[in-house]
Amino acid sequence: MAAPLSSSSMVRRVTSPCIGICTMDRESGFCLGCKRTIAEIGRWAMLDDPERQAIIDQLPGRKL
């Protein structure tokens, strides 16, 4: 019988919005490809799913 998954062993489901166009827009501070800030990109691997989803939810409203 399989052991239940603990929260530390769960796979993250909110994936990076990176599309490989990794250039920062000087005026807005957002990446031209994914519209995240350099701080959001840098800490992405350390964020949990709710934190990642909160960023994803903001992206459509970000203007370059």
Protein backbone atom coordinates (compact mmCIF):
# COMPACT_ATOMS: atom_id res chain seq x y z
CA MET A 1 0.00 0.00 0.00
CA ALA A 2 1.39 3.44 -0.94
CA ALA A 3 2.16 5.91 1.79
CA PRO A 4 0.16 9.15 1.75
CA LEU A 5 1.93 12.14 0.28
CA SER A 6 3.17 14.71 2.72
CA SER A 7 3.09 18.39 1.81
CA SER A 8 6.88 18.37 1.48
CA SER A 9 6.80 15.59 -1.12
CA MET A 10 3.98 17.00 -3.26
CA VAL A 11 4.89 18.04 -6.79
CA ARG A 12 4.33 21.69 -7.60
CA ARG A 13 1.62 22.13 -10.20
CA VAL A 14 1.90 25.86 -10.93
CA THR A 15 4.57 25.99 -13.60
CA SER A 16 6.73 28.88 -14.68
CA PRO A 17 5.27 31.20 -17.32
CA CYS A 18 8.73 31.51 -18.89
CA ILE A 19 8.67 31.29 -22.70
CA GLY A 20 12.41 31.70 -23.21
CA ILE A 21 12.39 35.41 -24.10
CA CYS A 22 14.38 36.50 -21.07
CA THR A 23 14.88 40.21 -21.57
CA MET A 24 13.90 42.80 -18.99
CA ASP A 25 12.02 45.92 -20.10
CA ARG A 26 13.82 48.91 -18.55
CA GLU A 27 10.73 51.08 -18.25
CA SER A 28 8.26 48.61 -16.73
CA GLY A 29 10.72 46.32 -14.97
CA PHE A 30 8.95 43.29 -16.41
CA CYS A 31 10.40 40.47 -18.50
CA LEU A 32 9.37 40.84 -22.15
CA GLY A 33 8.54 37.13 -22.31
CA CYS A 34 6.71 36.29 -19.09
CA LYS A 35 5.98 39.75 -17.58
CA ARG A 36 7.46 38.81 -14.19
CA THR A 37 9.84 41.07 -12.29
CA ILE A 38 13.44 40.05 -11.75
CA ALA A 39 12.60 39.45 -8.06
CA GLU A 40 9.69 37.14 -8.98
CA ILE A 41 11.86 35.23 -11.44
CA GLY A 42 14.67 34.90 -8.89
CA ARG A 43 12.53 33.50 -6.11
CA TRP A 44 10.18 31.38 -8.26
CA ALA A 45 11.77 28.06 -7.25
CA MET A 46 11.24 28.88 -3.56
CA LEU A 47 7.57 29.87 -3.84
CA ASP A 48 4.71 27.56 -2.97
CA ASP A 49 1.76 27.05 -5.31
CA PRO A 50 -0.51 29.79 -3.84
CA GLU A 51 2.33 32.33 -4.12
CA ARG A 52 3.07 31.26 -7.68
CA GLN A 53 -0.61 31.41 -8.61
CA ALA A 54 -0.90 34.92 -7.17
CA ILE A 55 1.86 36.05 -9.55
CA ILE A 56 0.31 34.21 -12.51
CA ASP A 57 -3.03 35.92 -11.78
CA GLN A 58 -1.38 39.37 -12.02
CA LEU A 59 0.33 38.81 -15.37
CA PRO A 60 -2.58 39.56 -17.75
CA GLY A 61 -2.91 43.09 -16.32
CA ARG A 62 0.77 43.96 -16.61
CA LYS A 63 1.66 46.36 -19.40
CA LEU A 64 5.06 46.66 -21.04
